[in-house]
Amino acid sequence: RNNPDVPVIIISGHGNIEIAVAAIKQGAYDFIE
């Protein structure tokens, strides 16, 4: 919302497809487990 040009890479130790899809839908560039 405030910094739309900043790409965001999400990382998590509890990754699953639902979390990855949710992150991508919110604008994350990619998801790494």
PDB file of all heavy atoms in Angstrom:
ATOM      1  N   ARG A   1       0.826  -1.207   0.000  1.00  0.00           N
ATOM      2  CA  ARG A   1       0.000   0.000   0.000  1.00  0.00           C
ATOM      3  C   ARG A   1       0.863   1.261   0.000  1.00  0.00           C
ATOM      4  O   ARG A   1       0.576   2.217  -0.730  1.00  0.00           O
ATOM      5  CB  ARG A   1      -0.901  -0.007   1.239  1.00  0.00           C
ATOM      6  CG  ARG A   1      -1.864   1.201   1.299  1.00  0.00           C
ATOM      7  CD  ARG A   1      -2.851   1.072   2.451  1.00  0.00           C
ATOM      8  NE  ARG A   1      -2.193   1.074   3.753  1.00  0.00           N
ATOM      9  CZ  ARG A   1      -2.088   0.010   4.545  1.00  0.00           C
ATOM     10  NH1 ARG A   1      -2.624  -1.154   4.162  1.00  0.00           N
ATOM     11  NH2 ARG A   1      -1.478   0.083   5.718  1.00  0.00           N
ATOM     12  N   ASN A   2       1.914   1.272   0.807  1.00  0.00           N
ATOM     13  CA  ASN A   2       2.725   2.483   0.971  1.00  0.00           C
ATOM     14  C   ASN A   2       3.997   2.503   0.127  1.00  0.00           C
ATOM     15  O   ASN A   2       4.532   3.572  -0.168  1.00  0.00           O
ATOM     16  CB  ASN A   2       3.109   2.665   2.444  1.00  0.00           C
ATOM     17  CG  ASN A   2       1.894   2.815   3.339  1.00  0.00           C
ATOM     18  OD1 ASN A   2       0.853   3.315   2.923  1.00  0.00           O
ATOM     19  ND2 ASN A   2       2.020   2.364   4.583  1.00  0.00           N
ATOM     20  N   ASN A   3       4.514   1.332  -0.212  1.00  0.00           N
ATOM     21  CA  ASN A   3       5.755   1.231  -0.998  1.00  0.00           C
ATOM     22  C   ASN A   3       5.563   0.219  -2.119  1.00  0.00           C
ATOM     23  O   ASN A   3       6.216  -0.841  -2.145  1.00  0.00           O
ATOM     24  CB  ASN A   3       6.935   0.814  -0.102  1.00  0.00           C
ATOM     25  CG  ASN A   3       7.081   1.679   1.135  1.00  0.00           C
ATOM     26  OD1 ASN A   3       6.416   1.450   2.145  1.00  0.00           O
ATOM     27  ND2 ASN A   3       7.948   2.669   1.061  1.00  0.00           N
ATOM     28  N   PRO A   4       4.674   0.505  -3.061  1.00  0.00           N
ATOM     29  CA  PRO A   4       4.292  -0.502  -4.061  1.00  0.00           C
ATOM     30  C   PRO A   4       5.424  -0.949  -4.974  1.00  0.00           C
ATOM     31  O   PRO A   4       5.351  -2.031  -5.565  1.00  0.00           O
ATOM     32  CB  PRO A   4       3.181   0.198  -4.858  1.00  0.00           C
ATOM     33  CG  PRO A   4       3.420   1.657  -4.644  1.00  0.00           C
ATOM     34  CD  PRO A   4       3.959   1.780  -3.254  1.00  0.00           C
ATOM     35  N   ASP A   5       6.479  -0.140  -5.111  1.00  0.00           N
ATOM     36  CA  ASP A   5       7.573  -0.517  -6.012  1.00  0.00           C
ATOM     37  C   ASP A   5       8.604  -1.436  -5.365  1.00  0.00           C
ATOM     38  O   ASP A   5       9.532  -1.898  -6.037  1.00  0.00           O
ATOM     39  CB  ASP A   5       8.284   0.741  -6.521  1.00  0.00           C
ATOM     40  CG  ASP A   5       7.417   1.558  -7.458  1.00  0.00           C
ATOM     41  OD1 ASP A   5       6.546   0.953  -8.111  1.00  0.00           O
ATOM     42  OD2 ASP A   5       7.599   2.783  -7.528  1.00  0.00           O
ATOM     43  N   VAL A   6       8.466  -1.701  -4.054  1.00  0.00           N
ATOM     44  CA  VAL A   6       9.430  -2.560  -3.359  1.00  0.00           C
ATOM     45  C   VAL A   6       9.020  -4.025  -3.523  1.00  0.00           C
ATOM     46  O   VAL A   6       7.967  -4.433  -3.034  1.00  0.00           O
ATOM     47  CB  VAL A   6       9.519  -2.205  -1.861  1.00  0.00           C
ATOM     48  CG1 VAL A   6      10.447  -3.178  -1.133  1.00  0.00           C
ATOM     49  CG2 VAL A   6       9.997  -0.773  -1.678  1.00  0.00           C
ATOM     50  N   PRO A   7       9.823  -4.851  -4.189  1.00  0.00           N
ATOM     51  CA  PRO A   7       9.502  -6.271  -4.283  1.00  0.00           C
ATOM     52  C   PRO A   7       9.724  -6.964  -2.935  1.00  0.00           C
ATOM     53  O   PRO A   7      10.692  -6.670  -2.232  1.00  0.00           O
ATOM     54  CB  PRO A   7      10.470  -6.801  -5.348  1.00  0.00           C
ATOM     55  CG  PRO A   7      11.591  -5.824  -5.381  1.00  0.00           C
ATOM     56  CD  PRO A   7      11.042  -4.498  -4.949  1.00  0.00           C
ATOM     57  N   VAL A   8       8.823  -7.876  -2.579  1.00  0.00           N
ATOM     58  CA  VAL A   8       8.888  -8.575  -1.287  1.00  0.00           C
ATOM     59  C   VAL A   8       8.975 -10.081  -1.531  1.00  0.00           C
ATOM     60  O   VAL A   8       8.132 -10.649  -2.226  1.00  0.00           O
ATOM     61  CB  VAL A   8       7.654  -8.262  -0.420  1.00  0.00           C
ATOM     62  CG1 VAL A   8       7.740  -9.017   0.913  1.00  0.00           C
ATOM     63  CG2 VAL A   8       7.521  -6.763  -0.176  1.00  0.00           C
ATOM     64  N   ILE A   9      10.010 -10.692  -0.947  1.00  0.00           N
ATOM     65  CA  ILE A   9      10.167 -12.151  -1.008  1.00  0.00           C
ATOM     66  C   ILE A   9       9.794 -12.704   0.362  1.00  0.00           C
ATOM     67  O   ILE A   9      10.392 -12.328   1.373  1.00  0.00           O
ATOM     68  CB  ILE A   9      11.611 -12.541  -1.377  1.00  0.00           C
ATOM     69  CG1 ILE A   9      11.971 -11.998  -2.770  1.00  0.00           C
ATOM     70  CG2 ILE A   9      11.790 -14.054  -1.326  1.00  0.00           C
ATOM     71  CD1 ILE A   9      13.432 -12.168  -3.127  1.00  0.00           C
ATOM     72  N   ILE A  10       8.793 -13.581   0.397  1.00  0.00           N
ATOM     73  CA  ILE A  10       8.324 -14.177   1.640  1.00  0.00           C
ATOM     74  C   ILE A  10       9.108 -15.457   1.923  1.00  0.00           C
ATOM     75  O   ILE A  10       9.308 -16.288   1.031  1.00  0.00           O
ATOM     76  CB  ILE A  10       6.817 -14.504   1.562  1.00  0.00           C
ATOM     77  CG1 ILE A  10       5.998 -13.214   1.450  1.00  0.00           C
ATOM     78  CG2 ILE A  10       6.367 -15.316   2.767  1.00  0.00           C
ATOM     79  CD1 ILE A  10       5.980 -12.378   2.700  1.00  0.00           C
ATOM     80  N   ILE A  11       9.583 -15.617   3.184  1.00  0.00           N
ATOM     81  CA  ILE A  11      10.220 -16.863   3.599  1.00  0.00           C
ATOM     82  C   ILE A  11       9.496 -17.387   4.832  1.00  0.00           C
ATOM     83  O   ILE A  11       8.957 -16.616   5.629  1.00  0.00           O
ATOM     84  CB  ILE A  11      11.724 -16.665   3.911  1.00  0.00           C
ATOM     85  CG1 ILE A  11      11.919 -15.610   5.004  1.00  0.00           C
ATOM     86  CG2 ILE A  11      12.495 -16.292   2.656  1.00  0.00           C
ATOM     87  CD1 ILE A  11      13.369 -15.449   5.444  1.00  0.00           C
ATOM     88  N   SER A  12       9.441 -18.695   4.967  1.00  0.00           N
ATOM     89  CA  SER A  12       8.765 -19.286   6.129  1.00  0.00           C
ATOM     90  C   SER A  12       9.198 -20.722   6.331  1.00  0.00           C
ATOM     91  O   SER A  12       9.445 -21.446   5.367  1.00  0.00           O
ATOM     92  CB  SER A  12       7.240 -19.234   5.945  1.00  0.00           C
ATOM     93  OG  SER A  12       6.595 -19.890   7.018  1.00  0.00           O
ATOM     94  N   GLY A  13       9.253 -21.106   7.601  1.00  0.00           N
ATOM     95  CA  GLY A  13       9.547 -22.501   7.934  1.00  0.00           C
ATOM     96  C   GLY A  13       8.293 -23.339   8.037  1.00  0.00           C
ATOM     97  O   GLY A  13       8.341 -24.525   8.330  1.00  0.00           O
ATOM     98  N   HIS A  14       7.159 -22.727   7.834  1.00  0.00           N
ATOM     99  CA  HIS A  14       5.877 -23.435   7.947  1.00  0.00           C
ATOM    100  C   HIS A  14       5.110 -23.318   6.637  1.00  0.00           C
ATOM    101  O   HIS A  14       3.915 -23.115   6.601  1.00  0.00           O
ATOM    102  CB  HIS A  14       5.036 -22.839   9.088  1.00  0.00           C
ATOM    103  CG  HIS A  14       5.788 -22.701  10.370  1.00  0.00           C
ATOM    104  ND1 HIS A  14       5.972 -23.762  11.223  1.00  0.00           N
ATOM    105  CD2 HIS A  14       6.436 -21.644  10.919  1.00  0.00           C
ATOM    106  CE1 HIS A  14       6.684 -23.345  12.274  1.00  0.00           C
ATOM    107  NE2 HIS A  14       6.979 -22.065  12.109  1.00  0.00           N
ATOM    108  N   GLY A  15       5.850 -23.412   5.551  1.00  0.00           N
ATOM    109  CA  GLY A  15       5.238 -23.149   4.258  1.00  0.00           C
ATOM    110  C   GLY A  15       4.257 -24.212   3.812  1.00  0.00           C
ATOM    111  O   GLY A  15       4.415 -25.394   4.078  1.00  0.00           O
ATOM    112  N   ASN A  16       3.231 -23.760   3.172  1.00  0.00           N
ATOM    113  CA  ASN A  16       2.312 -24.646   2.471  1.00  0.00           C
ATOM    114  C   ASN A  16       1.732 -23.866   1.305  1.00  0.00           C
ATOM    115  O   ASN A  16       1.921 -22.663   1.185  1.00  0.00           O
ATOM    116  CB  ASN A  16       1.218 -25.180   3.399  1.00  0.00           C
ATOM    117  CG  ASN A  16       0.444 -24.063   4.061  1.00  0.00           C
ATOM    118  OD1 ASN A  16      -0.022 -23.146   3.390  1.00  0.00           O
ATOM    119  ND2 ASN A  16       0.316 -24.136   5.383  1.00  0.00           N
ATOM    120  N   ILE A  17       1.025 -24.549   0.445  1.00  0.00           N
ATOM    121  CA  ILE A  17       0.545 -23.927  -0.781  1.00  0.00           C
ATOM    122  C   ILE A  17      -0.446 -22.810  -0.487  1.00  0.00           C
ATOM    123  O   ILE A  17      -0.483 -21.798  -1.179  1.00  0.00           O
ATOM    124  CB  ILE A  17      -0.075 -24.992  -1.706  1.00  0.00           C
ATOM    125  CG1 ILE A  17      -0.355 -24.382  -3.100  1.00  0.00           C
ATOM    126  CG2 ILE A  17      -1.336 -25.564  -1.102  1.00  0.00           C
ATOM    127  CD1 ILE A  17       0.863 -23.913  -3.822  1.00  0.00           C
ATOM    128  N   GLU A  18      -1.261 -22.970   0.581  1.00  0.00           N
ATOM    129  CA  GLU A  18      -2.240 -21.926   0.903  1.00  0.00           C
ATOM    130  C   GLU A  18      -1.543 -20.625   1.298  1.00  0.00           C
ATOM    131  O   GLU A  18      -1.943 -19.529   0.895  1.00  0.00           O
ATOM    132  CB  GLU A  18      -3.164 -22.386   2.039  1.00  0.00           C
ATOM    133  CG  GLU A  18      -4.154 -23.467   1.641  1.00  0.00           C
ATOM    134  CD  GLU A  18      -3.520 -24.858   1.625  1.00  0.00           C
ATOM    135  OE1 GLU A  18      -2.360 -24.983   2.099  1.00  0.00           O
ATOM    136  OE2 GLU A  18      -4.159 -25.793   1.131  1.00  0.00           O
ATOM    137  N   ILE A  19      -0.481 -20.737   2.144  1.00  0.00           N
ATOM    138  CA  ILE A  19       0.259 -19.548   2.561  1.00  0.00           C
ATOM    139  C   ILE A  19       0.933 -18.894   1.353  1.00  0.00           C
ATOM    140  O   ILE A  19       0.914 -17.665   1.200  1.00  0.00           O
ATOM    141  CB  ILE A  19       1.309 -19.908   3.632  1.00  0.00           C
ATOM    142  CG1 ILE A  19       0.619 -20.396   4.920  1.00  0.00           C
ATOM    143  CG2 ILE A  19       2.197 -18.714   3.929  1.00  0.00           C
ATOM    144  CD1 ILE A  19       1.583 -20.895   5.965  1.00  0.00           C
ATOM    145  N   ALA A  20       1.520 -19.712   0.477  1.00  0.00           N
ATOM    146  CA  ALA A  20       2.203 -19.180  -0.702  1.00  0.00           C
ATOM    147  C   ALA A  20       1.229 -18.428  -1.597  1.00  0.00           C
ATOM    148  O   ALA A  20       1.504 -17.307  -2.051  1.00  0.00           O
ATOM    149  CB  ALA A  20       2.868 -20.313  -1.486  1.00  0.00           C
ATOM    150  N   VAL A  21       0.053 -19.029  -1.841  1.00  0.00           N
ATOM    151  CA  VAL A  21      -0.948 -18.380  -2.693  1.00  0.00           C
ATOM    152  C   VAL A  21      -1.426 -17.080  -2.061  1.00  0.00           C
ATOM    153  O   VAL A  21      -1.582 -16.057  -2.746  1.00  0.00           O
ATOM    154  CB  VAL A  21      -2.137 -19.337  -2.944  1.00  0.00           C
ATOM    155  CG1 VAL A  21      -3.289 -18.596  -3.624  1.00  0.00           C
ATOM    156  CG2 VAL A  21      -1.693 -20.505  -3.804  1.00  0.00           C
ATOM    157  N   ALA A  22      -1.652 -17.096  -0.730  1.00  0.00           N
ATOM    158  CA  ALA A  22      -2.100 -15.883  -0.036  1.00  0.00           C
ATOM    159  C   ALA A  22      -1.066 -14.773  -0.169  1.00  0.00           C
ATOM    160  O   ALA A  22      -1.408 -13.596  -0.400  1.00  0.00           O
ATOM    161  CB  ALA A  22      -2.367 -16.190   1.434  1.00  0.00           C
ATOM    162  N   ALA A  23       0.219 -15.116  -0.037  1.00  0.00           N
ATOM    163  CA  ALA A  23       1.285 -14.118  -0.134  1.00  0.00           C
ATOM    164  C   ALA A  23       1.380 -13.544  -1.550  1.00  0.00           C
ATOM    165  O   ALA A  23       1.516 -12.329  -1.738  1.00  0.00           O
ATOM    166  CB  ALA A  23       2.623 -14.732   0.273  1.00  0.00           C
ATOM    167  N   ILE A  24       1.289 -14.417  -2.556  1.00  0.00           N
ATOM    168  CA  ILE A  24       1.370 -13.957  -3.941  1.00  0.00           C
ATOM    169  C   ILE A  24       0.188 -13.054  -4.272  1.00  0.00           C
ATOM    170  O   ILE A  24       0.324 -12.016  -4.932  1.00  0.00           O
ATOM    171  CB  ILE A  24       1.427 -15.146  -4.919  1.00  0.00           C
ATOM    172  CG1 ILE A  24       2.693 -16.003  -4.670  1.00  0.00           C
ATOM    173  CG2 ILE A  24       1.383 -14.666  -6.361  1.00  0.00           C
ATOM    174  CD1 ILE A  24       3.991 -15.260  -4.841  1.00  0.00           C
ATOM    175  N   LYS A  25      -1.004 -13.421  -3.790  1.00  0.00           N
ATOM    176  CA  LYS A  25      -2.190 -12.606  -4.055  1.00  0.00           C
ATOM    177  C   LYS A  25      -2.075 -11.221  -3.437  1.00  0.00           C
ATOM    178  O   LYS A  25      -2.636 -10.253  -3.953  1.00  0.00           O
ATOM    179  CB  LYS A  25      -3.434 -13.312  -3.518  1.00  0.00           C
ATOM    180  CG  LYS A  25      -3.916 -14.473  -4.381  1.00  0.00           C
ATOM    181  CD  LYS A  25      -5.198 -15.066  -3.831  1.00  0.00           C
ATOM    182  CE  LYS A  25      -5.723 -16.172  -4.746  1.00  0.00           C
ATOM    183  NZ  LYS A  25      -6.973 -16.768  -4.207  1.00  0.00           N
ATOM    184  N   GLN A  26      -1.362 -11.124  -2.325  1.00  0.00           N
ATOM    185  CA  GLN A  26      -1.186  -9.820  -1.672  1.00  0.00           C
ATOM    186  C   GLN A  26      -0.050  -9.005  -2.283  1.00  0.00           C
ATOM    187  O   GLN A  26       0.224  -7.898  -1.829  1.00  0.00           O
ATOM    188  CB  GLN A  26      -0.936 -10.029  -0.169  1.00  0.00           C
ATOM    189  CG  GLN A  26      -2.116 -10.589   0.591  1.00  0.00           C
ATOM    190  CD  GLN A  26      -3.332  -9.680   0.553  1.00  0.00           C
ATOM    191  OE1 GLN A  26      -3.208  -8.458   0.454  1.00  0.00           O
ATOM    192  NE2 GLN A  26      -4.525 -10.280   0.612  1.00  0.00           N
ATOM    193  N   GLY A  27       0.619  -9.569  -3.285  1.00  0.00           N
ATOM    194  CA  GLY A  27       1.632  -8.796  -3.993  1.00  0.00           C
ATOM    195  C   GLY A  27       3.067  -9.227  -3.790  1.00  0.00           C
ATOM    196  O   GLY A  27       3.986  -8.552  -4.275  1.00  0.00           O
ATOM    197  N   ALA A  28       3.292 -10.340  -3.059  1.00  0.00           N
ATOM    198  CA  ALA A  28       4.669 -10.818  -2.882  1.00  0.00           C
ATOM    199  C   ALA A  28       5.257 -11.232  -4.228  1.00  0.00           C
ATOM    200  O   ALA A  28       4.547 -11.755  -5.091  1.00  0.00           O
ATOM    201  CB  ALA A  28       4.712 -11.989  -1.905  1.00  0.00           C
ATOM    202  N   TYR A  29       6.551 -11.004  -4.382  1.00  0.00           N
ATOM    203  CA  TYR A  29       7.196 -11.402  -5.636  1.00  0.00           C
ATOM    204  C   TYR A  29       7.358 -12.913  -5.711  1.00  0.00           C
ATOM    205  O   TYR A  29       7.128 -13.518  -6.754  1.00  0.00           O
ATOM    206  CB  TYR A  29       8.563 -10.724  -5.781  1.00  0.00           C
ATOM    207  CG  TYR A  29       9.289 -11.136  -7.041  1.00  0.00           C
ATOM    208  CD1 TYR A  29       8.987 -10.529  -8.247  1.00  0.00           C
ATOM    209  CD2 TYR A  29      10.244 -12.144  -7.025  1.00  0.00           C
ATOM    210  CE1 TYR A  29       9.621 -10.918  -9.417  1.00  0.00           C
ATOM    211  CE2 TYR A  29      10.886 -12.534  -8.188  1.00  0.00           C
ATOM    212  CZ  TYR A  29      10.566 -11.922  -9.383  1.00  0.00           C
ATOM    213  OH  TYR A  29      11.184 -12.312 -10.541  1.00  0.00           O
ATOM    214  N   ASP A  30       7.736 -13.533  -4.591  1.00  0.00           N
ATOM    215  CA  ASP A  30       7.924 -14.987  -4.577  1.00  0.00           C
ATOM    216  C   ASP A  30       7.878 -15.486  -3.142  1.00  0.00           C
ATOM    217  O   ASP A  30       7.905 -14.693  -2.187  1.00  0.00           O
ATOM    218  CB  ASP A  30       9.261 -15.366  -5.229  1.00  0.00           C
ATOM    219  CG  ASP A  30       9.191 -16.714  -5.941  1.00  0.00           C
ATOM    220  OD1 ASP A  30       8.335 -17.538  -5.540  1.00  0.00           O
ATOM    221  OD2 ASP A  30       9.972 -16.934  -6.874  1.00  0.00           O
ATOM    222  N   PHE A  31       7.819 -16.808  -2.990  1.00  0.00           N
ATOM    223  CA  PHE A  31       7.717 -17.466  -1.691  1.00  0.00           C
ATOM    224  C   PHE A  31       8.785 -18.556  -1.637  1.00  0.00           C
ATOM    225  O   PHE A  31       8.893 -19.393  -2.534  1.00  0.00           O
ATOM    226  CB  PHE A  31       6.322 -18.085  -1.532  1.00  0.00           C
ATOM    227  CG  PHE A  31       6.122 -18.809  -0.222  1.00  0.00           C
ATOM    228  CD1 PHE A  31       5.574 -18.156   0.875  1.00  0.00           C
ATOM    229  CD2 PHE A  31       6.474 -20.148  -0.081  1.00  0.00           C
ATOM    230  CE1 PHE A  31       5.379 -18.817   2.077  1.00  0.00           C
ATOM    231  CE2 PHE A  31       6.294 -20.815   1.113  1.00  0.00           C
ATOM    232  CZ  PHE A  31       5.747 -20.153   2.196  1.00  0.00           C
ATOM    233  N   ILE A  32       9.615 -18.535  -0.573  1.00  0.00           N
ATOM    234  CA  ILE A  32      10.664 -19.539  -0.407  1.00  0.00           C
ATOM    235  C   ILE A  32      10.499 -20.189   0.967  1.00  0.00           C
ATOM    236  O   ILE A  32      10.362 -19.501   1.981  1.00  0.00           O
ATOM    237  CB  ILE A  32      12.071 -18.911  -0.520  1.00  0.00           C
ATOM    238  CG1 ILE A  32      12.252 -18.282  -1.897  1.00  0.00           C
ATOM    239  CG2 ILE A  32      13.148 -19.954  -0.268  1.00  0.00           C
ATOM    240  CD1 ILE A  32      13.594 -17.601  -2.074  1.00  0.00           C
ATOM    241  N   GLU A  33      10.530 -21.503   0.984  1.00  0.00           N
ATOM    242  CA  GLU A  33      10.342 -22.239   2.236  1.00  0.00           C
ATOM    243  C   GLU A  33      11.684 -22.524   2.901  1.00  0.00           C
ATOM    244  O   GLU A  33      12.674 -22.876   2.242  1.00  0.00           O
ATOM    245  CB  GLU A  33       9.613 -23.555   1.947  1.00  0.00           C
ATOM    246  CG  GLU A  33       9.243 -24.338   3.195  1.00  0.00           C
ATOM    247  CD  GLU A  33       8.434 -25.576   2.878  1.00  0.00           C
ATOM    248  OE1 GLU A  33       8.174 -25.825   1.696  1.00  0.00           O
ATOM    249  OE2 GLU A  33       8.074 -26.301   3.830  1.00  0.00           O
TER     250      GLU A  33
END
